[in-house]
N, C-alpha and C. Protein backbone atom coordinates (compact mmCIF):
# COMPACT_ATOMS: atom_id res chain seq x y z
N UNK A 1 -20.26 0.34 -43.04
CA UNK A 1 -20.90 0.85 -41.84
C UNK A 1 -20.52 0.03 -40.62
N UNK A 2 -20.45 -1.28 -40.80
CA UNK A 2 -20.10 -2.14 -39.67
C UNK A 2 -18.71 -1.81 -39.14
N UNK A 3 -17.76 -1.61 -40.04
CA UNK A 3 -16.40 -1.26 -39.61
C UNK A 3 -16.39 0.07 -38.87
N UNK A 4 -17.12 1.06 -39.39
CA UNK A 4 -17.18 2.38 -38.75
C UNK A 4 -17.82 2.27 -37.37
N UNK A 5 -18.91 1.52 -37.27
CA UNK A 5 -19.60 1.35 -35.99
C UNK A 5 -18.70 0.67 -34.97
N UNK A 6 -18.02 -0.38 -35.38
CA UNK A 6 -17.14 -1.10 -34.45
C UNK A 6 -15.95 -0.23 -34.02
N UNK A 7 -15.42 0.55 -34.94
CA UNK A 7 -14.32 1.46 -34.58
C UNK A 7 -14.80 2.47 -33.55
N UNK A 8 -16.02 2.99 -33.73
CA UNK A 8 -16.57 3.96 -32.77
C UNK A 8 -16.80 3.31 -31.41
N UNK A 9 -17.34 2.10 -31.41
CA UNK A 9 -17.56 1.39 -30.14
C UNK A 9 -16.24 1.18 -29.42
N UNK A 10 -15.22 0.83 -30.17
CA UNK A 10 -13.90 0.62 -29.57
C UNK A 10 -13.38 1.91 -28.93
N UNK A 11 -13.57 3.03 -29.61
CA UNK A 11 -13.16 4.33 -29.06
C UNK A 11 -13.91 4.63 -27.77
N UNK A 12 -15.20 4.39 -27.77
CA UNK A 12 -16.03 4.69 -26.59
C UNK A 12 -15.66 3.84 -25.38
N UNK A 13 -15.15 2.63 -25.62
CA UNK A 13 -14.82 1.74 -24.52
C UNK A 13 -13.80 2.33 -23.57
N UNK A 14 -12.96 3.22 -24.06
CA UNK A 14 -11.91 3.79 -23.21
C UNK A 14 -12.41 4.95 -22.36
N UNK A 15 -13.64 5.39 -22.56
CA UNK A 15 -14.21 6.50 -21.80
C UNK A 15 -15.35 5.97 -20.94
N UNK A 16 -15.19 5.97 -19.61
CA UNK A 16 -16.23 5.43 -18.73
C UNK A 16 -17.61 6.08 -18.94
N UNK A 17 -17.65 7.31 -19.41
CA UNK A 17 -18.94 7.98 -19.64
C UNK A 17 -19.65 7.44 -20.87
N UNK A 18 -18.91 6.80 -21.77
CA UNK A 18 -19.48 6.34 -23.03
C UNK A 18 -19.41 4.82 -23.22
N UNK A 19 -18.74 4.13 -22.33
CA UNK A 19 -18.42 2.72 -22.54
C UNK A 19 -19.64 1.79 -22.60
N UNK A 20 -20.78 2.23 -22.09
CA UNK A 20 -21.96 1.37 -22.12
C UNK A 20 -22.90 1.69 -23.28
N UNK A 21 -22.53 2.68 -24.10
CA UNK A 21 -23.35 3.01 -25.26
C UNK A 21 -23.33 1.87 -26.26
N UNK A 22 -24.44 1.69 -26.93
CA UNK A 22 -24.52 0.69 -27.98
C UNK A 22 -24.70 1.37 -29.33
N UNK A 23 -24.39 0.66 -30.37
CA UNK A 23 -24.65 1.14 -31.72
C UNK A 23 -25.43 0.04 -32.43
N UNK A 24 -26.50 0.46 -33.09
CA UNK A 24 -27.29 -0.46 -33.90
C UNK A 24 -26.94 -0.22 -35.37
N UNK A 25 -26.71 -1.31 -36.08
CA UNK A 25 -26.35 -1.24 -37.49
C UNK A 25 -27.41 -1.97 -38.30
N UNK A 26 -27.98 -1.29 -39.27
CA UNK A 26 -28.93 -1.94 -40.17
C UNK A 26 -28.16 -2.86 -41.10
N UNK A 27 -28.66 -4.07 -41.23
CA UNK A 27 -28.03 -5.06 -42.08
C UNK A 27 -28.88 -5.23 -43.34
N UNK A 28 -28.25 -5.14 -44.49
CA UNK A 28 -28.99 -5.31 -45.74
C UNK A 28 -29.21 -6.80 -46.00
N UNK A 29 -30.21 -7.09 -46.82
CA UNK A 29 -30.51 -8.47 -47.18
C UNK A 29 -29.31 -9.10 -47.89
N UNK A 30 -28.70 -8.35 -48.78
CA UNK A 30 -27.55 -8.87 -49.53
C UNK A 30 -26.41 -9.23 -48.58
N UNK A 31 -26.15 -8.37 -47.61
CA UNK A 31 -25.10 -8.62 -46.63
C UNK A 31 -25.40 -9.87 -45.81
N UNK A 32 -26.62 -9.93 -45.28
CA UNK A 32 -26.99 -11.02 -44.38
C UNK A 32 -26.99 -12.37 -45.09
N UNK A 33 -27.32 -12.38 -46.36
CA UNK A 33 -27.40 -13.63 -47.12
C UNK A 33 -26.03 -14.19 -47.50
N UNK A 34 -24.99 -13.37 -47.36
CA UNK A 34 -23.64 -13.86 -47.65
C UNK A 34 -23.31 -15.02 -46.70
N UNK A 35 -22.81 -16.13 -47.23
CA UNK A 35 -22.47 -17.26 -46.36
C UNK A 35 -21.45 -16.89 -45.27
N UNK A 36 -20.61 -15.91 -45.55
CA UNK A 36 -19.57 -15.53 -44.60
C UNK A 36 -19.99 -14.39 -43.68
N UNK A 37 -21.28 -14.07 -43.62
CA UNK A 37 -21.72 -12.91 -42.84
C UNK A 37 -21.27 -12.98 -41.38
N UNK A 38 -21.52 -14.09 -40.71
CA UNK A 38 -21.15 -14.20 -39.30
C UNK A 38 -19.64 -14.06 -39.11
N UNK A 39 -18.89 -14.66 -39.99
CA UNK A 39 -17.42 -14.55 -39.92
C UNK A 39 -16.96 -13.12 -40.12
N UNK A 40 -17.60 -12.42 -41.05
CA UNK A 40 -17.26 -11.02 -41.31
C UNK A 40 -17.51 -10.17 -40.06
N UNK A 41 -18.63 -10.38 -39.40
CA UNK A 41 -18.94 -9.61 -38.19
C UNK A 41 -17.93 -9.92 -37.10
N UNK A 42 -17.64 -11.19 -36.88
CA UNK A 42 -16.66 -11.57 -35.86
C UNK A 42 -15.29 -10.95 -36.17
N UNK A 43 -14.87 -11.03 -37.41
CA UNK A 43 -13.57 -10.48 -37.82
C UNK A 43 -13.53 -8.96 -37.62
N UNK A 44 -14.59 -8.29 -37.98
CA UNK A 44 -14.65 -6.83 -37.84
C UNK A 44 -14.58 -6.44 -36.36
N UNK A 45 -15.30 -7.17 -35.52
CA UNK A 45 -15.24 -6.90 -34.07
C UNK A 45 -13.82 -7.15 -33.54
N UNK A 46 -13.23 -8.24 -33.97
CA UNK A 46 -11.88 -8.58 -33.50
C UNK A 46 -10.86 -7.51 -33.92
N UNK A 47 -10.90 -7.11 -35.19
CA UNK A 47 -9.96 -6.10 -35.69
C UNK A 47 -10.10 -4.78 -34.95
N UNK A 48 -11.33 -4.39 -34.65
CA UNK A 48 -11.56 -3.10 -34.00
C UNK A 48 -11.31 -3.16 -32.50
N UNK A 49 -11.42 -4.34 -31.92
CA UNK A 49 -11.31 -4.48 -30.47
C UNK A 49 -12.60 -4.10 -29.75
N UNK A 50 -13.69 -3.92 -30.49
CA UNK A 50 -14.96 -3.53 -29.88
C UNK A 50 -15.57 -4.69 -29.11
N UNK A 51 -16.25 -4.35 -28.04
CA UNK A 51 -16.97 -5.31 -27.24
C UNK A 51 -18.23 -5.74 -28.00
N UNK A 52 -18.38 -7.01 -28.34
CA UNK A 52 -19.55 -7.46 -29.10
C UNK A 52 -20.88 -7.21 -28.38
N UNK A 53 -20.83 -7.09 -27.06
CA UNK A 53 -22.06 -6.91 -26.27
C UNK A 53 -22.71 -5.54 -26.46
N UNK A 54 -22.00 -4.62 -27.09
CA UNK A 54 -22.58 -3.29 -27.32
C UNK A 54 -22.88 -3.05 -28.81
N UNK A 55 -22.82 -4.13 -29.59
CA UNK A 55 -23.19 -4.06 -31.00
C UNK A 55 -24.55 -4.72 -31.18
N UNK A 56 -25.44 -3.99 -31.83
CA UNK A 56 -26.77 -4.53 -32.14
C UNK A 56 -26.95 -4.50 -33.65
N UNK A 57 -27.36 -5.63 -34.20
CA UNK A 57 -27.63 -5.71 -35.62
C UNK A 57 -29.14 -5.67 -35.83
N UNK A 58 -29.57 -4.75 -36.68
CA UNK A 58 -31.00 -4.60 -36.97
C UNK A 58 -31.33 -5.32 -38.27
N UNK A 59 -32.29 -6.23 -38.16
CA UNK A 59 -32.74 -7.02 -39.29
C UNK A 59 -34.22 -6.78 -39.50
N UNK A 60 -34.67 -6.86 -40.74
CA UNK A 60 -36.11 -6.74 -41.00
C UNK A 60 -36.74 -8.13 -41.01
N UNK A 61 -38.05 -8.15 -40.79
CA UNK A 61 -38.78 -9.42 -40.79
C UNK A 61 -38.59 -10.17 -42.10
N UNK A 62 -38.74 -9.48 -43.21
CA UNK A 62 -38.66 -10.15 -44.51
C UNK A 62 -37.27 -10.73 -44.74
N UNK A 63 -36.24 -10.06 -44.28
CA UNK A 63 -34.87 -10.54 -44.43
C UNK A 63 -34.69 -11.85 -43.66
N UNK A 64 -35.13 -11.88 -42.42
CA UNK A 64 -34.94 -13.04 -41.56
C UNK A 64 -35.81 -14.21 -42.01
N UNK A 65 -37.02 -13.93 -42.44
CA UNK A 65 -37.96 -14.99 -42.79
C UNK A 65 -37.73 -15.56 -44.19
N UNK A 66 -36.83 -14.95 -44.94
CA UNK A 66 -36.52 -15.44 -46.28
C UNK A 66 -35.96 -16.86 -46.22
N UNK A 67 -35.10 -17.12 -45.26
CA UNK A 67 -34.55 -18.45 -45.03
C UNK A 67 -34.36 -18.59 -43.52
N UNK A 68 -35.41 -19.00 -42.86
CA UNK A 68 -35.46 -18.97 -41.39
C UNK A 68 -34.35 -19.80 -40.76
N UNK A 69 -34.16 -21.02 -41.20
CA UNK A 69 -33.16 -21.89 -40.56
C UNK A 69 -31.75 -21.31 -40.69
N UNK A 70 -31.42 -20.81 -41.86
CA UNK A 70 -30.10 -20.20 -42.06
C UNK A 70 -29.96 -18.93 -41.23
N UNK A 71 -31.03 -18.15 -41.15
CA UNK A 71 -31.01 -16.92 -40.34
C UNK A 71 -30.77 -17.24 -38.88
N UNK A 72 -31.48 -18.23 -38.37
CA UNK A 72 -31.31 -18.62 -36.97
C UNK A 72 -29.89 -19.07 -36.71
N UNK A 73 -29.34 -19.85 -37.62
CA UNK A 73 -27.97 -20.34 -37.45
C UNK A 73 -26.97 -19.18 -37.37
N UNK A 74 -27.08 -18.22 -38.29
CA UNK A 74 -26.16 -17.07 -38.28
C UNK A 74 -26.33 -16.25 -37.01
N UNK A 75 -27.58 -16.04 -36.63
CA UNK A 75 -27.83 -15.23 -35.44
C UNK A 75 -27.29 -15.91 -34.19
N UNK A 76 -27.52 -17.20 -34.05
CA UNK A 76 -27.02 -17.92 -32.87
C UNK A 76 -25.50 -17.90 -32.81
N UNK A 77 -24.85 -18.01 -33.96
CA UNK A 77 -23.39 -17.97 -34.02
C UNK A 77 -22.87 -16.63 -33.47
N UNK A 78 -23.55 -15.54 -33.82
CA UNK A 78 -23.11 -14.22 -33.34
C UNK A 78 -23.56 -13.95 -31.91
N UNK A 79 -24.69 -14.48 -31.52
CA UNK A 79 -25.14 -14.31 -30.14
C UNK A 79 -24.18 -14.97 -29.16
N UNK A 80 -23.52 -16.05 -29.59
CA UNK A 80 -22.56 -16.74 -28.73
C UNK A 80 -21.45 -15.81 -28.27
N UNK A 81 -21.12 -14.82 -29.10
CA UNK A 81 -20.05 -13.89 -28.72
C UNK A 81 -20.61 -12.60 -28.12
N UNK A 82 -21.94 -12.49 -28.02
CA UNK A 82 -22.52 -11.34 -27.34
C UNK A 82 -23.27 -10.35 -28.20
N UNK A 83 -23.24 -10.51 -29.52
CA UNK A 83 -23.93 -9.57 -30.42
C UNK A 83 -25.44 -9.67 -30.17
N UNK A 84 -26.11 -8.53 -30.17
CA UNK A 84 -27.56 -8.47 -29.97
C UNK A 84 -28.26 -8.26 -31.31
N UNK A 85 -29.54 -8.65 -31.36
CA UNK A 85 -30.33 -8.49 -32.57
C UNK A 85 -31.63 -7.78 -32.28
N UNK A 86 -31.97 -6.87 -33.18
CA UNK A 86 -33.23 -6.14 -33.12
C UNK A 86 -33.98 -6.38 -34.42
N UNK A 87 -35.28 -6.63 -34.29
CA UNK A 87 -36.11 -6.76 -35.48
C UNK A 87 -36.67 -5.39 -35.78
N UNK A 88 -36.18 -4.82 -36.88
CA UNK A 88 -36.52 -3.45 -37.27
C UNK A 88 -37.90 -3.40 -37.93
N UNK A 89 -38.59 -2.28 -37.72
CA UNK A 89 -39.89 -2.02 -38.36
C UNK A 89 -40.90 -3.13 -38.09
N UNK A 90 -40.90 -3.64 -36.87
CA UNK A 90 -41.77 -4.77 -36.57
C UNK A 90 -43.23 -4.40 -36.83
N UNK A 91 -43.93 -5.32 -37.46
CA UNK A 91 -45.34 -5.14 -37.75
C UNK A 91 -45.62 -4.69 -39.16
N UNK A 92 -44.60 -4.29 -39.89
CA UNK A 92 -44.83 -3.81 -41.26
C UNK A 92 -44.57 -4.89 -42.30
N UNK A 93 -43.95 -5.98 -41.90
CA UNK A 93 -43.62 -7.05 -42.83
C UNK A 93 -44.55 -8.23 -42.67
N UNK A 94 -43.96 -9.41 -42.67
CA UNK A 94 -44.75 -10.64 -42.59
C UNK A 94 -45.38 -10.84 -41.22
N UNK A 95 -44.70 -10.40 -40.18
CA UNK A 95 -45.16 -10.58 -38.80
C UNK A 95 -45.59 -12.02 -38.52
N UNK A 96 -44.77 -12.95 -38.91
CA UNK A 96 -45.10 -14.36 -38.66
C UNK A 96 -44.77 -14.70 -37.22
N UNK A 97 -45.81 -14.79 -36.41
CA UNK A 97 -45.63 -15.02 -34.99
C UNK A 97 -45.07 -16.41 -34.71
N UNK A 98 -45.34 -17.37 -35.58
CA UNK A 98 -44.81 -18.71 -35.35
C UNK A 98 -43.28 -18.71 -35.45
N UNK A 99 -42.73 -17.87 -36.30
CA UNK A 99 -41.28 -17.79 -36.41
C UNK A 99 -40.66 -16.89 -35.36
N UNK A 100 -41.40 -15.90 -34.93
CA UNK A 100 -40.86 -14.96 -33.96
C UNK A 100 -40.39 -15.67 -32.69
N UNK A 101 -41.13 -16.67 -32.27
CA UNK A 101 -40.75 -17.37 -31.05
C UNK A 101 -39.48 -18.20 -31.22
N UNK A 102 -39.12 -18.52 -32.45
CA UNK A 102 -37.91 -19.31 -32.70
C UNK A 102 -36.68 -18.46 -32.95
N UNK A 103 -36.87 -17.22 -33.34
CA UNK A 103 -35.74 -16.36 -33.68
C UNK A 103 -35.07 -15.82 -32.41
N UNK A 104 -33.75 -15.82 -32.39
CA UNK A 104 -33.03 -15.31 -31.21
C UNK A 104 -32.94 -13.78 -31.22
N UNK A 105 -34.10 -13.14 -31.15
CA UNK A 105 -34.20 -11.68 -31.19
C UNK A 105 -34.14 -11.14 -29.76
N UNK A 106 -33.41 -10.06 -29.57
CA UNK A 106 -33.32 -9.41 -28.26
C UNK A 106 -34.30 -8.26 -28.12
N UNK A 107 -34.70 -7.69 -29.27
CA UNK A 107 -35.50 -6.47 -29.22
C UNK A 107 -36.42 -6.38 -30.44
N UNK A 108 -37.62 -5.88 -30.20
CA UNK A 108 -38.52 -5.53 -31.30
C UNK A 108 -38.53 -4.02 -31.41
N UNK A 109 -38.46 -3.53 -32.63
CA UNK A 109 -38.47 -2.09 -32.88
C UNK A 109 -39.79 -1.74 -33.55
N UNK A 110 -40.62 -0.97 -32.84
CA UNK A 110 -41.93 -0.60 -33.36
C UNK A 110 -41.77 0.47 -34.42
N UNK A 111 -42.32 0.22 -35.58
CA UNK A 111 -42.20 1.16 -36.69
C UNK A 111 -42.92 2.47 -36.38
N UNK A 112 -42.32 3.56 -36.84
CA UNK A 112 -42.89 4.89 -36.58
C UNK A 112 -44.28 5.07 -37.19
N UNK A 113 -44.61 4.29 -38.21
CA UNK A 113 -45.95 4.42 -38.81
C UNK A 113 -47.05 4.06 -37.82
N UNK A 114 -46.75 3.23 -36.82
CA UNK A 114 -47.71 2.91 -35.77
C UNK A 114 -47.64 3.93 -34.63
N UNK A 115 -46.44 4.39 -34.33
CA UNK A 115 -46.24 5.31 -33.20
C UNK A 115 -46.84 6.68 -33.48
N UNK A 116 -46.78 7.11 -34.72
CA UNK A 116 -47.20 8.46 -35.11
C UNK A 116 -48.57 8.84 -34.56
N UNK A 117 -49.54 7.94 -34.64
CA UNK A 117 -50.92 8.28 -34.27
C UNK A 117 -51.44 7.52 -33.05
N UNK A 118 -50.55 7.04 -32.19
CA UNK A 118 -51.02 6.22 -31.05
C UNK A 118 -51.93 6.97 -30.09
N UNK A 119 -51.82 8.29 -30.07
CA UNK A 119 -52.68 9.04 -29.15
C UNK A 119 -54.01 9.44 -29.78
N UNK A 120 -54.17 9.20 -31.08
CA UNK A 120 -55.41 9.61 -31.76
C UNK A 120 -56.10 8.49 -32.54
N UNK A 121 -55.40 7.41 -32.79
CA UNK A 121 -55.96 6.31 -33.58
C UNK A 121 -56.01 5.05 -32.72
N UNK A 122 -57.21 4.58 -32.43
CA UNK A 122 -57.38 3.42 -31.56
C UNK A 122 -56.72 2.16 -32.12
N UNK A 123 -56.74 2.01 -33.43
CA UNK A 123 -56.11 0.83 -34.04
C UNK A 123 -54.60 0.84 -33.86
N UNK A 124 -53.97 1.99 -34.12
CA UNK A 124 -52.52 2.09 -33.92
C UNK A 124 -52.18 1.89 -32.44
N UNK A 125 -52.98 2.46 -31.56
CA UNK A 125 -52.75 2.30 -30.12
C UNK A 125 -52.82 0.82 -29.74
N UNK A 126 -53.83 0.12 -30.26
CA UNK A 126 -53.98 -1.31 -29.94
C UNK A 126 -52.82 -2.13 -30.48
N UNK A 127 -52.38 -1.82 -31.70
CA UNK A 127 -51.25 -2.55 -32.30
C UNK A 127 -49.99 -2.33 -31.47
N UNK A 128 -49.71 -1.10 -31.13
CA UNK A 128 -48.50 -0.79 -30.36
C UNK A 128 -48.56 -1.45 -28.98
N UNK A 129 -49.70 -1.36 -28.33
CA UNK A 129 -49.86 -1.97 -27.01
C UNK A 129 -49.65 -3.49 -27.10
N UNK A 130 -50.15 -4.11 -28.14
CA UNK A 130 -50.00 -5.55 -28.33
C UNK A 130 -48.54 -5.92 -28.60
N UNK A 131 -47.86 -5.14 -29.43
CA UNK A 131 -46.44 -5.42 -29.71
C UNK A 131 -45.62 -5.32 -28.43
N UNK A 132 -45.86 -4.29 -27.64
CA UNK A 132 -45.12 -4.13 -26.38
C UNK A 132 -45.38 -5.31 -25.46
N UNK A 133 -46.65 -5.66 -25.26
CA UNK A 133 -46.99 -6.76 -24.35
C UNK A 133 -46.38 -8.07 -24.83
N UNK A 134 -46.45 -8.32 -26.13
CA UNK A 134 -45.90 -9.55 -26.69
C UNK A 134 -44.39 -9.61 -26.49
N UNK A 135 -43.71 -8.52 -26.83
CA UNK A 135 -42.25 -8.49 -26.68
C UNK A 135 -41.84 -8.73 -25.23
N UNK A 136 -42.46 -8.03 -24.32
CA UNK A 136 -42.10 -8.17 -22.91
C UNK A 136 -42.40 -9.57 -22.39
N UNK A 137 -43.52 -10.14 -22.81
CA UNK A 137 -43.86 -11.49 -22.34
C UNK A 137 -42.91 -12.54 -22.91
N UNK A 138 -42.26 -12.23 -24.03
CA UNK A 138 -41.29 -13.15 -24.63
C UNK A 138 -39.86 -12.84 -24.18
N UNK A 139 -39.71 -11.93 -23.23
CA UNK A 139 -38.39 -11.60 -22.70
C UNK A 139 -37.56 -10.70 -23.60
N UNK A 140 -38.22 -9.99 -24.50
CA UNK A 140 -37.51 -9.09 -25.41
C UNK A 140 -37.65 -7.65 -24.92
N UNK A 141 -36.67 -6.85 -25.27
CA UNK A 141 -36.79 -5.41 -25.09
C UNK A 141 -37.63 -4.88 -26.24
N UNK A 142 -38.11 -3.67 -26.07
CA UNK A 142 -38.88 -3.04 -27.14
C UNK A 142 -38.45 -1.58 -27.24
N UNK A 143 -38.34 -1.09 -28.46
CA UNK A 143 -37.99 0.30 -28.71
C UNK A 143 -38.97 0.85 -29.74
N UNK A 144 -39.37 2.08 -29.52
CA UNK A 144 -40.30 2.73 -30.45
C UNK A 144 -39.55 3.80 -31.22
N UNK A 145 -39.76 3.81 -32.54
CA UNK A 145 -39.12 4.85 -33.34
C UNK A 145 -40.15 5.90 -33.72
N UNK A 146 -39.66 7.10 -33.99
CA UNK A 146 -40.54 8.18 -34.41
C UNK A 146 -41.27 8.87 -33.26
N UNK A 147 -40.72 8.81 -32.06
CA UNK A 147 -41.35 9.46 -30.91
C UNK A 147 -41.05 10.96 -30.99
N UNK A 148 -42.12 11.73 -31.14
CA UNK A 148 -41.95 13.17 -31.33
C UNK A 148 -42.64 14.02 -30.27
N UNK A 149 -43.53 13.40 -29.48
CA UNK A 149 -44.26 14.18 -28.48
C UNK A 149 -44.18 13.52 -27.11
N UNK A 150 -44.38 14.32 -26.09
CA UNK A 150 -44.40 13.79 -24.72
C UNK A 150 -45.57 12.82 -24.56
N UNK A 151 -46.71 13.13 -25.19
CA UNK A 151 -47.88 12.25 -25.10
C UNK A 151 -47.58 10.86 -25.66
N UNK A 152 -46.85 10.80 -26.76
CA UNK A 152 -46.47 9.50 -27.34
C UNK A 152 -45.57 8.75 -26.36
N UNK A 153 -44.57 9.45 -25.83
CA UNK A 153 -43.65 8.81 -24.89
C UNK A 153 -44.39 8.30 -23.66
N UNK A 154 -45.29 9.10 -23.13
CA UNK A 154 -46.04 8.68 -21.95
C UNK A 154 -46.91 7.46 -22.24
N UNK A 155 -47.55 7.44 -23.41
CA UNK A 155 -48.35 6.27 -23.81
C UNK A 155 -47.48 5.02 -23.80
N UNK A 156 -46.32 5.12 -24.43
CA UNK A 156 -45.41 3.99 -24.54
C UNK A 156 -44.88 3.56 -23.17
N UNK A 157 -44.47 4.53 -22.38
CA UNK A 157 -43.91 4.25 -21.06
C UNK A 157 -44.92 3.56 -20.15
N UNK A 158 -46.15 4.02 -20.17
CA UNK A 158 -47.21 3.42 -19.34
C UNK A 158 -47.46 1.96 -19.71
N UNK A 159 -47.11 1.57 -20.91
CA UNK A 159 -47.35 0.21 -21.38
C UNK A 159 -46.09 -0.66 -21.32
N UNK A 160 -44.99 -0.09 -20.81
CA UNK A 160 -43.79 -0.88 -20.59
C UNK A 160 -42.66 -0.67 -21.57
N UNK A 161 -42.84 0.21 -22.55
CA UNK A 161 -41.76 0.51 -23.49
C UNK A 161 -40.86 1.55 -22.83
N UNK A 162 -39.59 1.22 -22.70
CA UNK A 162 -38.65 2.11 -22.00
C UNK A 162 -37.57 2.72 -22.89
N UNK A 163 -37.62 2.42 -24.18
CA UNK A 163 -36.59 2.95 -25.09
C UNK A 163 -37.29 3.58 -26.29
N UNK A 164 -36.75 4.74 -26.71
CA UNK A 164 -37.40 5.51 -27.75
C UNK A 164 -36.34 6.13 -28.66
N UNK A 165 -36.75 6.35 -29.90
CA UNK A 165 -35.96 7.13 -30.85
C UNK A 165 -36.90 8.18 -31.42
N UNK A 166 -36.37 9.34 -31.68
CA UNK A 166 -37.20 10.33 -32.34
C UNK A 166 -36.81 11.75 -32.00
N UNK A 167 -37.46 12.66 -32.69
CA UNK A 167 -37.14 14.08 -32.56
C UNK A 167 -37.47 14.65 -31.19
N UNK A 168 -38.26 13.95 -30.38
CA UNK A 168 -38.50 14.43 -29.01
C UNK A 168 -37.16 14.54 -28.28
N UNK A 169 -36.24 13.67 -28.63
CA UNK A 169 -34.94 13.64 -27.95
C UNK A 169 -33.85 14.37 -28.73
N UNK A 170 -33.80 14.15 -30.01
CA UNK A 170 -32.81 14.84 -30.84
C UNK A 170 -33.00 14.44 -32.29
N UNK A 171 -32.62 15.34 -33.16
CA UNK A 171 -32.52 15.01 -34.58
C UNK A 171 -31.19 14.29 -34.76
N UNK A 172 -31.01 13.58 -35.87
CA UNK A 172 -29.71 12.94 -36.10
C UNK A 172 -28.58 13.97 -36.00
N UNK A 173 -27.52 13.57 -35.32
CA UNK A 173 -26.39 14.47 -35.09
C UNK A 173 -25.10 13.87 -35.62
N UNK A 174 -24.17 14.73 -36.04
CA UNK A 174 -22.82 14.23 -36.33
C UNK A 174 -22.23 13.66 -35.03
N UNK A 175 -21.36 12.69 -35.15
CA UNK A 175 -20.84 11.98 -33.98
C UNK A 175 -20.20 12.91 -32.96
N UNK A 176 -19.47 13.93 -33.41
CA UNK A 176 -18.83 14.86 -32.47
C UNK A 176 -19.86 15.60 -31.62
N UNK A 177 -20.96 16.02 -32.24
CA UNK A 177 -22.02 16.72 -31.51
C UNK A 177 -22.70 15.77 -30.53
N UNK A 178 -22.92 14.55 -30.93
CA UNK A 178 -23.52 13.56 -30.03
C UNK A 178 -22.65 13.35 -28.80
N UNK A 179 -21.38 13.13 -29.00
CA UNK A 179 -20.47 12.90 -27.88
C UNK A 179 -20.45 14.12 -26.97
N UNK A 180 -20.40 15.32 -27.54
CA UNK A 180 -20.42 16.54 -26.75
C UNK A 180 -21.70 16.62 -25.92
N UNK A 181 -22.81 16.30 -26.53
CA UNK A 181 -24.09 16.36 -25.84
C UNK A 181 -24.16 15.34 -24.69
N UNK A 182 -23.60 14.17 -24.91
CA UNK A 182 -23.65 13.11 -23.89
C UNK A 182 -22.67 13.32 -22.75
N UNK A 183 -21.58 14.02 -23.01
CA UNK A 183 -20.55 14.17 -21.98
C UNK A 183 -20.57 15.52 -21.27
N UNK A 184 -21.42 16.43 -21.72
CA UNK A 184 -21.51 17.74 -21.05
C UNK A 184 -22.77 17.86 -20.24
């Protein structure tokens, strides 16, 4: 997946309409734990010619917190060349706030299980509002997944979340359809 993503990013770089698009790649625990993980990412970026600044690697809390010092080291090595990191499904794992402040994370991704009922469940609304406020106060971006209604988007937007994923915008599309949709 990483090779495919980097090849696509490289293709997009030549089109001014697409050159600022980013691709997020989910990283498996097995992949991330490989001692050569950072080298593999750097090599893949180099081979493809993709700009590292438009590649985002999505990691889960449990993956990163399994070996915090090693995780930080790998992440910092890749951040030096511009790679971004998103913590996927934030709030569903360990949510260790003491480690969150040490991790070089660029973005928190709010899990759809919290977003689904933000307009009807006070607890989910409070959790989402807290995640957004915490991320922004720590200088991180925040993205919400599973946004399906205008009411959900408005709730998120009013609280400072400016990025969303979900069926409100589009169902998953083949790459050709996505490019057509973005360029027409």
